[in-house]
Amino acid sequence: MTRGVAIIGAGSWGTALAIMAARRDHEVRLWSRNTSVVAAINHEHLNPVHLKGVLIPAGVRAENDLAAAVAGAELTILAAPSHAIRNILESMAPVLNPELILVSASKGIESETGRRISQIVAEVIPVAVRPRFVCLSGPSFAEEVVANHPTAVVAASDDAAAARTVQSELSFENLRIYTNADVVGTELGGSVKNVMAIAAGMVAGLGFGANSIAALITRGLAETTRLALREGAQLETLMGLAGVGDLVLTCTGSLSRNRFVGYELGKGRSLSDITAGMNEVAEGVKTTLAVKRRADQLGVAMPITSEVHAVLYDGKLASDAANELMMRPLREESNR
C-alpha cells in the first residue's frame, strides 16, 4: 500500500475511482451515506446500486463516517454530485489540512450560486487548513474505465506538484492522466458539456441523425469556449480532453445520463418522469440553471443553453427548441 486515498461518494464514478486506486495498490476508503451500500462493499465486495457485478478489490473499505473516511488520507477525491459538495466540505473542514490534496471529480456547477467546485472550496475551507486543489476531468465513463478500456483524463491545478502527484498516483494501466494548470477551463469544460449532452439527446430523440448531432457538438463547443474564455480559461484546454474530448463522449455515448435525459425529452416525456426512474444524478439538469444565469450576467451568447433551459424549466417542446435554433439569423461561423 502506498498512499491513503479517500473517495467521497459511492456512485458509479466514485466506485470506479475506488476500484482503480485499489488496483494501483492504494489503501482506499469509500464514503457513502447509504448504510446498505457500505455493508455490501465491505462484506460482499460489490456495490449493489452502481456498477453492479463489478468486483471491488479488498483494498477498498467503505465508511459511513465522513471524518473516519478522510482521516489520514493523503488524497481525498470528491465524487459526489455538485449540489452536495458544499455541505460535504463543511462537514469535512475540521479534518482537512494543507498537506492533503483535494481532488474534485465532480462535473457540475452549484446551481444556486454558479460557483465552480474550486470556488466552493475557497469559500468553505479556511486558508489555514485548505488543501491543495486538483480538478480531475475528461472523457471517462465509469463502466468502461473499470472494464480496462483505455481512458485519458486531465488533472488540473495551480499547484503543478499536486497535479503531478495525482497523475502519478492514480494513472494505472488503462487510465492515463495528463496535467495542466487551467482549473477554470477544466471545470467549465467538464460542466457545460452536460448541458450540451442534454441538447444532443433531444436532437437524437427527435429522430435527427449524424448531421444534426455533429452540428450540435460543434456549436456547443463554440458556446462553451466563449463562456470559458470570458471566465479566464485557456483555449488549449477547451480543445483538449477536458473540453472537446469530454463533450464528444457525453453527447454521443450511450452510457451518458445527460444524453439519456435529453433523448427522453425529445421523445416527449416530462423531466420529472425521466428523473424519477434514474438512480444517478444527471448533472446537466441543474448545471443548466447555473450556466444560463452566468451567461446572462456576462452577456455571453449561449443559444443552445438557452433552449435547453427553456425545455427543462419553461415547458418548451424539444421540437420547438430545435426549430428556434435553426431559425436564428444567419451569420459568420466565428461570430455569435
C-alpha atoms as a PDB file:
ATOM      1  CA  MET A   1       0.000   0.000   0.000  1.00  0.00           C
ATOM      2  CA  THR A   2       1.486   3.352  -0.999  1.00  0.00           C
ATOM      3  CA  ARG A   3      -0.963   6.137  -0.151  1.00  0.00           C
ATOM      4  CA  GLY A   4      -4.204   6.569   1.732  1.00  0.00           C
ATOM      5  CA  VAL A   5      -6.965   7.605  -0.686  1.00  0.00           C
ATOM      6  CA  ALA A   6     -10.401   8.746   0.488  1.00  0.00           C
ATOM      7  CA  ILE A   7     -13.213   8.913  -2.045  1.00  0.00           C
ATOM      8  CA  ILE A   8     -16.329  10.839  -1.109  1.00  0.00           C
ATOM      9  CA  GLY A   9     -19.340   9.460  -2.937  1.00  0.00           C
ATOM     10  CA  ALA A  10     -20.046   5.861  -3.936  1.00  0.00           C
ATOM     11  CA  GLY A  11     -21.874   6.497  -7.194  1.00  0.00           C
ATOM     12  CA  SER A  12     -20.590   4.982 -10.422  1.00  0.00           C
ATOM     13  CA  TRP A  13     -17.623   7.338 -10.813  1.00  0.00           C
ATOM     14  CA  GLY A  14     -16.658   7.280  -7.135  1.00  0.00           C
ATOM     15  CA  THR A  15     -16.827   3.486  -7.113  1.00  0.00           C
ATOM     16  CA  ALA A  16     -14.796   3.302 -10.320  1.00  0.00           C
ATOM     17  CA  LEU A  17     -12.109   5.584  -8.890  1.00  0.00           C
ATOM     18  CA  ALA A  18     -12.003   3.472  -5.733  1.00  0.00           C
ATOM     19  CA  ILE A  19     -11.506   0.334  -7.810  1.00  0.00           C
ATOM     20  CA  MET A  20      -8.761   1.944  -9.907  1.00  0.00           C
ATOM     21  CA  ALA A  21      -6.959   3.336  -6.848  1.00  0.00           C
ATOM     22  CA  ALA A  22      -7.063  -0.094  -5.196  1.00  0.00           C
ATOM     23  CA  ARG A  23      -5.749  -1.718  -8.368  1.00  0.00           C
ATOM     24  CA  ARG A  24      -2.914   0.802  -8.108  1.00  0.00           C
ATOM     25  CA  ASP A  25      -2.294  -0.755  -4.660  1.00  0.00           C
ATOM     26  CA  HIS A  26      -3.519   2.168  -2.579  1.00  0.00           C
ATOM     27  CA  GLU A  27      -5.430   1.800   0.658  1.00  0.00           C
ATOM     28  CA  VAL A  28      -8.867   3.207  -0.169  1.00  0.00           C
ATOM     29  CA  ARG A  29     -11.760   4.376   1.975  1.00  0.00           C
ATOM     30  CA  LEU A  30     -15.009   4.973   0.099  1.00  0.00           C
ATOM     31  CA  TRP A  31     -17.631   7.092   1.837  1.00  0.00           C
ATOM     32  CA  SER A  32     -21.368   6.687   1.318  1.00  0.00           C
ATOM     33  CA  ARG A  33     -24.430   7.852   3.221  1.00  0.00           C
ATOM     34  CA  ASN A  34     -26.172   4.605   2.288  1.00  0.00           C
ATOM     35  CA  THR A  35     -25.620   2.025   5.026  1.00  0.00           C
ATOM     36  CA  SER A  36     -26.653  -0.881   2.804  1.00  0.00           C
ATOM     37  CA  VAL A  37     -24.092   0.170   0.185  1.00  0.00           C
ATOM     38  CA  VAL A  38     -21.393   0.370   2.863  1.00  0.00           C
ATOM     39  CA  ALA A  39     -22.287  -3.075   4.187  1.00  0.00           C
ATOM     40  CA  ALA A  40     -22.356  -4.672   0.742  1.00  0.00           C
ATOM     41  CA  ILE A  41     -18.980  -3.229  -0.238  1.00  0.00           C
ATOM     42  CA  ASN A  42     -17.346  -4.348   2.993  1.00  0.00           C
ATOM     43  CA  HIS A  43     -18.859  -7.831   3.127  1.00  0.00           C
ATOM     44  CA  GLU A  44     -19.563  -8.765  -0.488  1.00  0.00           C
ATOM     45  CA  HIS A  45     -17.075  -6.510  -2.330  1.00  0.00           C
ATOM     46  CA  LEU A  46     -19.900  -5.283  -4.567  1.00  0.00           C
ATOM     47  CA  ASN A  47     -21.811  -2.025  -4.875  1.00  0.00           C
ATOM     48  CA  PRO A  48     -25.482  -3.090  -5.032  1.00  0.00           C
ATOM     49  CA  VAL A  49     -26.594   0.178  -6.690  1.00  0.00           C
ATOM     50  CA  HIS A  50     -23.805   1.267  -9.048  1.00  0.00           C
ATOM     51  CA  LEU A  51     -21.502  -0.768 -11.302  1.00  0.00           C
ATOM     52  CA  LYS A  52     -23.440  -3.850 -10.315  1.00  0.00           C
ATOM     53  CA  GLY A  53     -21.499  -7.067 -10.723  1.00  0.00           C
ATOM     54  CA  VAL A  54     -18.076  -5.389 -10.773  1.00  0.00           C
ATOM     55  CA  LEU A  55     -15.825  -6.862  -8.071  1.00  0.00           C
ATOM     56  CA  ILE A  56     -14.423  -4.243  -5.706  1.00  0.00           C
ATOM     57  CA  PRO A  57     -10.890  -5.074  -4.513  1.00  0.00           C
ATOM     58  CA  ALA A  58     -10.263  -5.931  -0.876  1.00  0.00           C
ATOM     59  CA  GLY A  59      -8.157  -2.770  -0.602  1.00  0.00           C
ATOM     60  CA  VAL A  60     -11.377  -0.708  -0.594  1.00  0.00           C
ATOM     61  CA  ARG A  61     -13.172  -0.208   2.707  1.00  0.00           C
ATOM     62  CA  ALA A  62     -16.492   1.617   2.768  1.00  0.00           C
ATOM     63  CA  GLU A  63     -17.342   4.106   5.531  1.00  0.00           C
ATOM     64  CA  ASN A  64     -20.497   5.861   6.728  1.00  0.00           C
ATOM     65  CA  ASP A  65     -18.497   8.258   8.875  1.00  0.00           C
ATOM     66  CA  LEU A  66     -17.096  11.119   6.815  1.00  0.00           C
ATOM     67  CA  ALA A  67     -14.356  12.023   9.280  1.00  0.00           C
ATOM     68  CA  ALA A  68     -13.234   8.406   9.517  1.00  0.00           C
ATOM     69  CA  ALA A  69     -13.073   8.168   5.725  1.00  0.00           C
ATOM     70  CA  VAL A  70     -10.893  11.269   5.383  1.00  0.00           C
ATOM     71  CA  ALA A  71      -8.676  10.871   8.451  1.00  0.00           C
ATOM     72  CA  GLY A  72      -5.105  10.040   7.466  1.00  0.00           C
ATOM     73  CA  ALA A  73      -5.759  10.190   3.726  1.00  0.00           C
ATOM     74  CA  GLU A  74      -3.173  11.892   1.529  1.00  0.00           C
ATOM     75  CA  LEU A  75      -5.551  12.167  -1.428  1.00  0.00           C
ATOM     76  CA  THR A  76      -9.238  12.940  -0.911  1.00  0.00           C
ATOM     77  CA  ILE A  77     -11.423  12.747  -4.019  1.00  0.00           C
ATOM     78  CA  LEU A  78     -14.796  14.471  -4.184  1.00  0.00           C
ATOM     79  CA  ALA A  79     -17.025  12.281  -6.356  1.00  0.00           C
ATOM     80  CA  ALA A  80     -20.434  13.365  -5.058  1.00  0.00           C
ATOM     81  CA  PRO A  81     -22.942  15.384  -7.133  1.00  0.00           C
ATOM     82  CA  SER A  82     -22.095  19.082  -7.279  1.00  0.00           C
ATOM     83  CA  HIS A  83     -25.212  20.118  -5.358  1.00  0.00           C
ATOM     84  CA  ALA A  84     -23.979  18.138  -2.327  1.00  0.00           C
ATOM     85  CA  ILE A  85     -20.374  19.365  -2.341  1.00  0.00           C
ATOM     86  CA  ARG A  86     -20.811  22.476  -0.156  1.00  0.00           C
ATOM     87  CA  ASN A  87     -22.411  20.554   2.732  1.00  0.00           C
ATOM     88  CA  ILE A  88     -19.844  17.774   2.431  1.00  0.00           C
ATOM     89  CA  LEU A  89     -16.956  20.249   2.544  1.00  0.00           C
ATOM     90  CA  GLU A  90     -18.445  21.975   5.575  1.00  0.00           C
ATOM     91  CA  SER A  91     -18.565  18.611   7.350  1.00  0.00           C
ATOM     92  CA  MET A  92     -15.039  17.700   6.236  1.00  0.00           C
ATOM     93  CA  ALA A  93     -13.405  21.033   7.156  1.00  0.00           C
ATOM     94  CA  PRO A  94     -12.366  20.049  10.715  1.00  0.00           C
ATOM     95  CA  VAL A  95     -10.271  17.107   9.459  1.00  0.00           C
ATOM     96  CA  LEU A  96      -8.609  18.819   6.482  1.00  0.00           C
ATOM     97  CA  ASN A  97      -5.066  20.183   6.379  1.00  0.00           C
ATOM     98  CA  PRO A  98      -2.738  21.929   3.897  1.00  0.00           C
ATOM     99  CA  GLU A  99      -0.715  18.767   3.293  1.00  0.00           C
ATOM    100  CA  LEU A 100      -3.736  16.977   1.856  1.00  0.00           C
ATOM    101  CA  ILE A 101      -4.506  17.032  -1.852  1.00  0.00           C
ATOM    102  CA  LEU A 102      -8.212  17.569  -2.504  1.00  0.00           C
ATOM    103  CA  VAL A 103      -9.286  16.246  -5.902  1.00  0.00           C
ATOM    104  CA  SER A 104     -12.590  17.252  -7.470  1.00  0.00           C
ATOM    105  CA  ALA A 105     -14.065  14.591  -9.755  1.00  0.00           C
ATOM    106  CA  SER A 106     -17.473  16.279  -9.702  1.00  0.00           C
ATOM    107  CA  LYS A 107     -18.514  17.653 -13.100  1.00  0.00           C
ATOM    108  CA  GLY A 108     -21.006  20.299 -12.172  1.00  0.00           C
ATOM    109  CA  ILE A 109     -21.630  23.872 -11.055  1.00  0.00           C
ATOM    110  CA  GLU A 110     -23.585  24.839  -7.948  1.00  0.00           C
ATOM    111  CA  SER A 111     -26.952  25.893  -9.340  1.00  0.00           C
ATOM    112  CA  GLU A 112     -27.857  28.335  -6.566  1.00  0.00           C
ATOM    113  CA  THR A 113     -24.623  30.335  -6.741  1.00  0.00           C
ATOM    114  CA  GLY A 114     -22.998  29.496 -10.084  1.00  0.00           C
ATOM    115  CA  ARG A 115     -19.821  28.544  -8.209  1.00  0.00           C
ATOM    116  CA  ARG A 116     -17.406  26.013  -9.598  1.00  0.00           C
ATOM    117  CA  ILE A 117     -16.100  23.377  -7.167  1.00  0.00           C
ATOM    118  CA  SER A 118     -12.769  25.169  -6.706  1.00  0.00           C
ATOM    119  CA  GLN A 119     -14.653  28.339  -5.770  1.00  0.00           C
ATOM    120  CA  ILE A 120     -16.789  26.464  -3.240  1.00  0.00           C
ATOM    121  CA  VAL A 121     -13.618  25.040  -1.682  1.00  0.00           C
ATOM    122  CA  ALA A 122     -12.174  28.553  -1.409  1.00  0.00           C
ATOM    123  CA  GLU A 123     -15.367  29.799   0.255  1.00  0.00           C
ATOM    124  CA  VAL A 124     -15.856  26.933   2.692  1.00  0.00           C
ATOM    125  CA  ILE A 125     -12.355  25.876   3.770  1.00  0.00           C
ATOM    126  CA  PRO A 126     -10.298  28.405   5.762  1.00  0.00           C
ATOM    127  CA  VAL A 127      -6.928  29.263   4.241  1.00  0.00           C
ATOM    128  CA  ALA A 128      -5.043  27.890   7.244  1.00  0.00           C
ATOM    129  CA  VAL A 129      -6.319  24.348   6.649  1.00  0.00           C
ATOM    130  CA  ARG A 130      -7.125  24.482   2.943  1.00  0.00           C
ATOM    131  CA  PRO A 131      -5.720  21.517   0.990  1.00  0.00           C
ATOM    132  CA  ARG A 132      -4.066  21.800  -2.386  1.00  0.00           C
ATOM    133  CA  PHE A 133      -6.764  21.555  -5.067  1.00  0.00           C
ATOM    134  CA  VAL A 134      -6.800  19.465  -8.240  1.00  0.00           C
ATOM    135  CA  CYS A 135      -9.646  19.082 -10.760  1.00  0.00           C
ATOM    136  CA  LEU A 136      -9.841  15.654 -12.403  1.00  0.00           C
ATOM    137  CA  SER A 137     -11.891  15.675 -15.602  1.00  0.00           C
ATOM    138  CA  GLY A 138     -12.099  14.306 -19.119  1.00  0.00           C
ATOM    139  CA  PRO A 139     -13.911  11.712 -21.248  1.00  0.00           C
ATOM    140  CA  SER A 140     -14.466   8.823 -18.864  1.00  0.00           C
ATOM    141  CA  PHE A 141     -17.471   6.550 -18.456  1.00  0.00           C
ATOM    142  CA  ALA A 142     -17.072   4.649 -15.189  1.00  0.00           C
ATOM    143  CA  GLU A 143     -18.205   1.357 -16.679  1.00  0.00           C
ATOM    144  CA  GLU A 144     -15.524   1.480 -19.367  1.00  0.00           C
ATOM    145  CA  VAL A 145     -12.732   2.514 -17.003  1.00  0.00           C
ATOM    146  CA  VAL A 146     -13.246  -0.481 -14.707  1.00  0.00           C
ATOM    147  CA  ALA A 147     -13.578  -2.752 -17.765  1.00  0.00           C
ATOM    148  CA  ASN A 148      -9.996  -1.766 -18.691  1.00  0.00           C
ATOM    149  CA  HIS A 149     -10.877   0.331 -21.738  1.00  0.00           C
ATOM    150  CA  PRO A 150      -8.037   2.778 -22.488  1.00  0.00           C
ATOM    151  CA  THR A 151      -9.044   6.132 -20.975  1.00  0.00           C
ATOM    152  CA  ALA A 152      -7.301   9.516 -20.797  1.00  0.00           C
ATOM    153  CA  VAL A 153      -8.242  12.359 -18.444  1.00  0.00           C
ATOM    154  CA  VAL A 154      -6.703  15.584 -17.094  1.00  0.00           C
ATOM    155  CA  ALA A 155      -5.552  16.658 -13.627  1.00  0.00           C
ATOM    156  CA  ALA A 156      -5.633  20.463 -13.478  1.00  0.00           C
ATOM    157  CA  SER A 157      -4.184  22.551 -10.674  1.00  0.00           C
ATOM    158  CA  ASP A 158      -2.498  25.867  -9.907  1.00  0.00           C
ATOM    159  CA  ASP A 159      -0.078  23.696  -7.922  1.00  0.00           C
ATOM    160  CA  ALA A 160       1.942  21.765 -10.510  1.00  0.00           C
ATOM    161  CA  ALA A 161       3.352  19.399  -7.903  1.00  0.00           C
ATOM    162  CA  ALA A 162      -0.131  18.457  -6.697  1.00  0.00           C
ATOM    163  CA  ALA A 163      -1.265  17.772 -10.271  1.00  0.00           C
ATOM    164  CA  ARG A 164       1.774  15.581 -10.876  1.00  0.00           C
ATOM    165  CA  THR A 165       1.095  13.666  -7.658  1.00  0.00           C
ATOM    166  CA  VAL A 166      -2.454  12.896  -8.783  1.00  0.00           C
ATOM    167  CA  GLN A 167      -1.092  11.936 -12.196  1.00  0.00           C
ATOM    168  CA  SER A 168       1.498   9.530 -10.825  1.00  0.00           C
ATOM    169  CA  GLU A 169      -0.632   8.027  -8.056  1.00  0.00           C
ATOM    170  CA  LEU A 170      -3.854   7.417  -9.996  1.00  0.00           C
ATOM    171  CA  SER A 171      -2.591   6.585 -13.501  1.00  0.00           C
ATOM    172  CA  PHE A 172      -2.661   2.827 -13.921  1.00  0.00           C
ATOM    173  CA  GLU A 173      -2.572   0.518 -16.941  1.00  0.00           C
ATOM    174  CA  ASN A 174      -5.644   1.649 -18.911  1.00  0.00           C
ATOM    175  CA  LEU A 175      -6.082   5.006 -17.110  1.00  0.00           C
ATOM    176  CA  ARG A 176      -3.706   7.727 -18.359  1.00  0.00           C
ATOM    177  CA  ILE A 177      -3.715  11.135 -16.677  1.00  0.00           C
ATOM    178  CA  TYR A 178      -2.324  14.308 -18.236  1.00  0.00           C
ATOM    179  CA  THR A 179      -1.774  17.564 -16.323  1.00  0.00           C
ATOM    180  CA  ASN A 180      -2.469  21.227 -16.968  1.00  0.00           C
ATOM    181  CA  ALA A 181      -2.628  24.459 -14.974  1.00  0.00           C
ATOM    182  CA  ASP A 182      -6.064  25.612 -16.169  1.00  0.00           C
ATOM    183  CA  VAL A 183      -8.538  24.830 -13.401  1.00  0.00           C
ATOM    184  CA  VAL A 184     -11.174  27.223 -14.777  1.00  0.00           C
ATOM    185  CA  GLY A 185     -11.205  25.709 -18.260  1.00  0.00           C
ATOM    186  CA  THR A 186     -11.107  22.148 -16.958  1.00  0.00           C
ATOM    187  CA  GLU A 187     -14.014  22.721 -14.562  1.00  0.00           C
ATOM    188  CA  LEU A 188     -16.143  24.552 -17.114  1.00  0.00           C
ATOM    189  CA  GLY A 189     -15.423  22.071 -19.888  1.00  0.00           C
ATOM    190  CA  GLY A 190     -16.490  19.193 -17.642  1.00  0.00           C
ATOM    191  CA  SER A 191     -19.655  21.006 -16.545  1.00  0.00           C
ATOM    192  CA  VAL A 192     -21.051  22.757 -19.611  1.00  0.00           C
ATOM    193  CA  LYS A 193     -20.667  19.609 -21.726  1.00  0.00           C
ATOM    194  CA  ASN A 194     -23.501  18.100 -19.675  1.00  0.00           C
ATOM    195  CA  VAL A 195     -25.834  20.849 -20.854  1.00  0.00           C
ATOM    196  CA  MET A 196     -24.788  20.169 -24.441  1.00  0.00           C
ATOM    197  CA  ALA A 197     -25.326  16.438 -23.927  1.00  0.00           C
ATOM    198  CA  ILE A 198     -28.943  17.087 -22.970  1.00  0.00           C
ATOM    199  CA  ALA A 199     -29.291  19.081 -26.193  1.00  0.00           C
ATOM    200  CA  ALA A 200     -27.656  16.297 -28.221  1.00  0.00           C
ATOM    201  CA  GLY A 201     -30.016  13.781 -26.666  1.00  0.00           C
ATOM    202  CA  MET A 202     -33.016  15.909 -27.593  1.00  0.00           C
ATOM    203  CA  VAL A 203     -31.785  16.064 -31.180  1.00  0.00           C
ATOM    204  CA  ALA A 204     -31.471  12.276 -31.295  1.00  0.00           C
ATOM    205  CA  GLY A 205     -34.813  11.800 -29.554  1.00  0.00           C
ATOM    206  CA  LEU A 206     -36.462  13.938 -32.201  1.00  0.00           C
ATOM    207  CA  GLY A 207     -35.214  11.467 -34.788  1.00  0.00           C
ATOM    208  CA  PHE A 208     -32.465  13.584 -36.346  1.00  0.00           C
ATOM    209  CA  GLY A 209     -29.249  11.948 -37.483  1.00  0.00           C
ATOM    210  CA  ALA A 210     -25.485  12.378 -37.524  1.00  0.00           C
ATOM    211  CA  ASN A 211     -25.526  15.695 -39.402  1.00  0.00           C
ATOM    212  CA  SER A 212     -27.571  17.276 -36.640  1.00  0.00           C
ATOM    213  CA  ILE A 213     -25.525  15.791 -33.807  1.00  0.00           C
ATOM    214  CA  ALA A 214     -22.260  16.947 -35.403  1.00  0.00           C
ATOM    215  CA  ALA A 215     -23.617  20.472 -35.800  1.00  0.00           C
ATOM    216  CA  LEU A 216     -24.846  20.495 -32.209  1.00  0.00           C
ATOM    217  CA  ILE A 217     -21.491  19.350 -30.819  1.00  0.00           C
ATOM    218  CA  THR A 218     -19.569  21.906 -32.869  1.00  0.00           C
ATOM    219  CA  ARG A 219     -21.787  24.832 -31.936  1.00  0.00           C
ATOM    220  CA  GLY A 220     -21.892  23.572 -28.353  1.00  0.00           C
ATOM    221  CA  LEU A 221     -18.103  23.707 -28.243  1.00  0.00           C
ATOM    222  CA  ALA A 222     -18.270  27.287 -29.515  1.00  0.00           C
ATOM    223  CA  GLU A 223     -20.657  28.228 -26.690  1.00  0.00           C
ATOM    224  CA  THR A 224     -18.575  26.504 -24.045  1.00  0.00           C
ATOM    225  CA  THR A 225     -15.417  28.177 -25.312  1.00  0.00           C
ATOM    226  CA  ARG A 226     -16.996  31.649 -25.318  1.00  0.00           C
ATOM    227  CA  LEU A 227     -18.031  31.299 -21.700  1.00  0.00           C
ATOM    228  CA  ALA A 228     -14.800  29.673 -20.545  1.00  0.00           C
ATOM    229  CA  LEU A 229     -12.552  32.269 -22.190  1.00  0.00           C
ATOM    230  CA  ARG A 230     -14.631  35.037 -20.652  1.00  0.00           C
ATOM    231  CA  GLU A 231     -14.040  33.410 -17.253  1.00  0.00           C
ATOM    232  CA  GLY A 232     -10.267  33.285 -17.829  1.00  0.00           C
ATOM    233  CA  ALA A 233      -9.771  29.783 -19.240  1.00  0.00           C
ATOM    234  CA  GLN A 234      -7.186  28.836 -21.842  1.00  0.00           C
ATOM    235  CA  LEU A 235      -8.283  27.932 -25.366  1.00  0.00           C
ATOM    236  CA  GLU A 236      -5.978  24.888 -25.417  1.00  0.00           C
ATOM    237  CA  THR A 237      -7.926  23.352 -22.535  1.00  0.00           C
ATOM    238  CA  LEU A 238     -11.201  23.554 -24.441  1.00  0.00           C
ATOM    239  CA  MET A 239      -9.539  21.901 -27.450  1.00  0.00           C
ATOM    240  CA  GLY A 240      -8.258  19.044 -25.278  1.00  0.00           C
ATOM    241  CA  LEU A 241      -9.545  16.152 -23.207  1.00  0.00           C
ATOM    242  CA  ALA A 242     -11.466  18.273 -20.694  1.00  0.00           C
ATOM    243  CA  GLY A 243     -13.128  20.221 -23.490  1.00  0.00           C
ATOM    244  CA  VAL A 244     -13.860  18.689 -26.867  1.00  0.00           C
ATOM    245  CA  GLY A 245     -12.943  15.186 -25.659  1.00  0.00           C
ATOM    246  CA  ASP A 246     -15.487  15.095 -22.858  1.00  0.00           C
ATOM    247  CA  LEU A 247     -18.044  16.930 -24.994  1.00  0.00           C
ATOM    248  CA  VAL A 248     -17.910  14.352 -27.795  1.00  0.00           C
ATOM    249  CA  LEU A 249     -18.121  11.431 -25.368  1.00  0.00           C
ATOM    250  CA  THR A 250     -21.069  12.792 -23.416  1.00  0.00           C
ATOM    251  CA  CYS A 251     -23.003  13.908 -26.480  1.00  0.00           C
ATOM    252  CA  THR A 252     -22.622  10.610 -28.353  1.00  0.00           C
ATOM    253  CA  GLY A 253     -22.065   7.844 -25.810  1.00  0.00           C
ATOM    254  CA  SER A 254     -24.916   5.513 -24.937  1.00  0.00           C
ATOM    255  CA  LEU A 255     -23.799   5.498 -21.269  1.00  0.00           C
ATOM    256  CA  SER A 256     -24.321   9.255 -20.884  1.00  0.00           C
ATOM    257  CA  ARG A 257     -27.003  10.048 -18.305  1.00  0.00           C
ATOM    258  CA  ASN A 258     -27.379  13.607 -19.588  1.00  0.00           C
ATOM    259  CA  ARG A 259     -27.815  12.442 -23.170  1.00  0.00           C
ATOM    260  CA  PHE A 260     -30.426   9.968 -21.928  1.00  0.00           C
ATOM    261  CA  VAL A 261     -32.403  12.771 -20.266  1.00  0.00           C
ATOM    262  CA  GLY A 262     -32.322  14.780 -23.482  1.00  0.00           C
ATOM    263  CA  TYR A 263     -33.268  11.776 -25.598  1.00  0.00           C
ATOM    264  CA  GLU A 264     -36.334  11.091 -23.487  1.00  0.00           C
ATOM    265  CA  LEU A 265     -37.299  14.776 -23.564  1.00  0.00           C
ATOM    266  CA  GLY A 266     -37.057  14.611 -27.358  1.00  0.00           C
ATOM    267  CA  LYS A 267     -39.442  11.662 -27.246  1.00  0.00           C
ATOM    268  CA  GLY A 268     -41.941  13.784 -25.354  1.00  0.00           C
ATOM    269  CA  ARG A 269     -41.549  12.549 -21.775  1.00  0.00           C
ATOM    270  CA  SER A 270     -41.601  15.009 -18.882  1.00  0.00           C
ATOM    271  CA  LEU A 271     -38.447  15.796 -16.915  1.00  0.00           C
ATOM    272  CA  SER A 272     -39.989  14.648 -13.631  1.00  0.00           C
ATOM    273  CA  ASP A 273     -40.968  11.321 -15.142  1.00  0.00           C
ATOM    274  CA  ILE A 274     -37.488  10.795 -16.597  1.00  0.00           C
ATOM    275  CA  THR A 275     -35.514  11.640 -13.459  1.00  0.00           C
ATOM    276  CA  ALA A 276     -37.854   9.628 -11.209  1.00  0.00           C
ATOM    277  CA  GLY A 277     -36.616   6.472 -12.900  1.00  0.00           C
ATOM    278  CA  MET A 278     -32.901   7.262 -12.587  1.00  0.00           C
ATOM    279  CA  ASN A 279     -30.665   6.133  -9.714  1.00  0.00           C
ATOM    280  CA  GLU A 280     -27.903   8.636 -10.538  1.00  0.00           C
ATOM    281  CA  VAL A 281     -27.846  12.397 -10.986  1.00  0.00           C
ATOM    282  CA  ALA A 282     -27.759  13.917 -14.461  1.00  0.00           C
ATOM    283  CA  GLU A 283     -25.608  16.932 -13.575  1.00  0.00           C
ATOM    284  CA  GLY A 284     -26.674  18.874 -16.656  1.00  0.00           C
ATOM    285  CA  VAL A 285     -30.211  19.399 -15.361  1.00  0.00           C
ATOM    286  CA  LYS A 286     -29.111  21.683 -12.521  1.00  0.00           C
ATOM    287  CA  THR A 287     -25.967  22.920 -14.250  1.00  0.00           C
ATOM    288  CA  THR A 288     -28.152  24.398 -16.989  1.00  0.00           C
ATOM    289  CA  LEU A 289     -29.573  26.823 -14.422  1.00  0.00           C
ATOM    290  CA  ALA A 290     -26.118  27.982 -13.352  1.00  0.00           C
ATOM    291  CA  VAL A 291     -24.702  28.244 -16.871  1.00  0.00           C
ATOM    292  CA  LYS A 292     -27.699  30.181 -18.192  1.00  0.00           C
ATOM    293  CA  ARG A 293     -27.566  32.579 -15.250  1.00  0.00           C
ATOM    294  CA  ARG A 294     -23.816  33.144 -15.619  1.00  0.00           C
ATOM    295  CA  ALA A 295     -24.019  33.636 -19.385  1.00  0.00           C
ATOM    296  CA  ASP A 296     -26.737  36.246 -18.911  1.00  0.00           C
ATOM    297  CA  GLN A 297     -24.666  38.048 -16.267  1.00  0.00           C
ATOM    298  CA  LEU A 298     -21.638  38.198 -18.548  1.00  0.00           C
ATOM    299  CA  GLY A 299     -23.554  38.919 -21.743  1.00  0.00           C
ATOM    300  CA  VAL A 300     -22.231  35.754 -23.394  1.00  0.00           C
ATOM    301  CA  ALA A 301     -24.427  34.378 -26.184  1.00  0.00           C
ATOM    302  CA  MET A 302     -25.297  30.726 -25.479  1.00  0.00           C
ATOM    303  CA  PRO A 303     -28.342  29.916 -27.628  1.00  0.00           C
ATOM    304  CA  ILE A 304     -28.175  26.126 -27.149  1.00  0.00           C
ATOM    305  CA  THR A 305     -28.007  26.548 -23.382  1.00  0.00           C
ATOM    306  CA  SER A 306     -30.946  28.943 -23.531  1.00  0.00           C
ATOM    307  CA  GLU A 307     -33.071  26.453 -25.452  1.00  0.00           C
ATOM    308  CA  VAL A 308     -32.167  23.580 -23.109  1.00  0.00           C
ATOM    309  CA  HIS A 309     -33.143  25.824 -20.196  1.00  0.00           C
ATOM    310  CA  ALA A 310     -36.479  26.591 -21.867  1.00  0.00           C
ATOM    311  CA  VAL A 311     -37.235  22.889 -22.354  1.00  0.00           C
ATOM    312  CA  LEU A 312     -36.196  21.911 -18.815  1.00  0.00           C
ATOM    313  CA  TYR A 313     -37.776  24.778 -16.910  1.00  0.00           C
ATOM    314  CA  ASP A 314     -40.273  26.633 -19.103  1.00  0.00           C
ATOM    315  CA  GLY A 315     -42.174  23.723 -20.599  1.00  0.00           C
ATOM    316  CA  LYS A 316     -40.973  24.336 -24.142  1.00  0.00           C
ATOM    317  CA  LEU A 317     -41.195  21.405 -26.542  1.00  0.00           C
ATOM    318  CA  ALA A 318     -37.889  19.965 -27.723  1.00  0.00           C
ATOM    319  CA  SER A 319     -39.106  20.248 -31.309  1.00  0.00           C
ATOM    320  CA  ASP A 320     -39.802  23.964 -30.860  1.00  0.00           C
ATOM    321  CA  ALA A 321     -36.351  24.454 -29.327  1.00  0.00           C
ATOM    322  CA  ALA A 322     -34.713  22.781 -32.327  1.00  0.00           C
ATOM    323  CA  ASN A 323     -36.708  24.932 -34.728  1.00  0.00           C
ATOM    324  CA  GLU A 324     -35.754  28.059 -32.799  1.00  0.00           C
ATOM    325  CA  LEU A 325     -32.061  27.271 -33.175  1.00  0.00           C
ATOM    326  CA  MET A 326     -32.380  26.668 -36.908  1.00  0.00           C
ATOM    327  CA  MET A 327     -34.266  29.930 -37.406  1.00  0.00           C
ATOM    328  CA  ARG A 328     -31.604  32.126 -35.797  1.00  0.00           C
ATOM    329  CA  PRO A 329     -30.237  34.883 -38.060  1.00  0.00           C
ATOM    330  CA  LEU A 330     -27.559  33.738 -40.492  1.00  0.00           C
ATOM    331  CA  ARG A 331     -24.030  34.917 -39.691  1.00  0.00           C
ATOM    332  CA  GLU A 332     -20.323  34.121 -39.991  1.00  0.00           C
ATOM    333  CA  GLU A 333     -19.260  30.961 -38.187  1.00  0.00           C
ATOM    334  CA  SER A 334     -16.751  32.806 -35.993  1.00  0.00           C
ATOM    335  CA  ASN A 335     -19.411  35.315 -34.982  1.00  0.00           C
ATOM    336  CA  ARG A 336     -22.032  34.821 -32.282  1.00  0.00           C
END
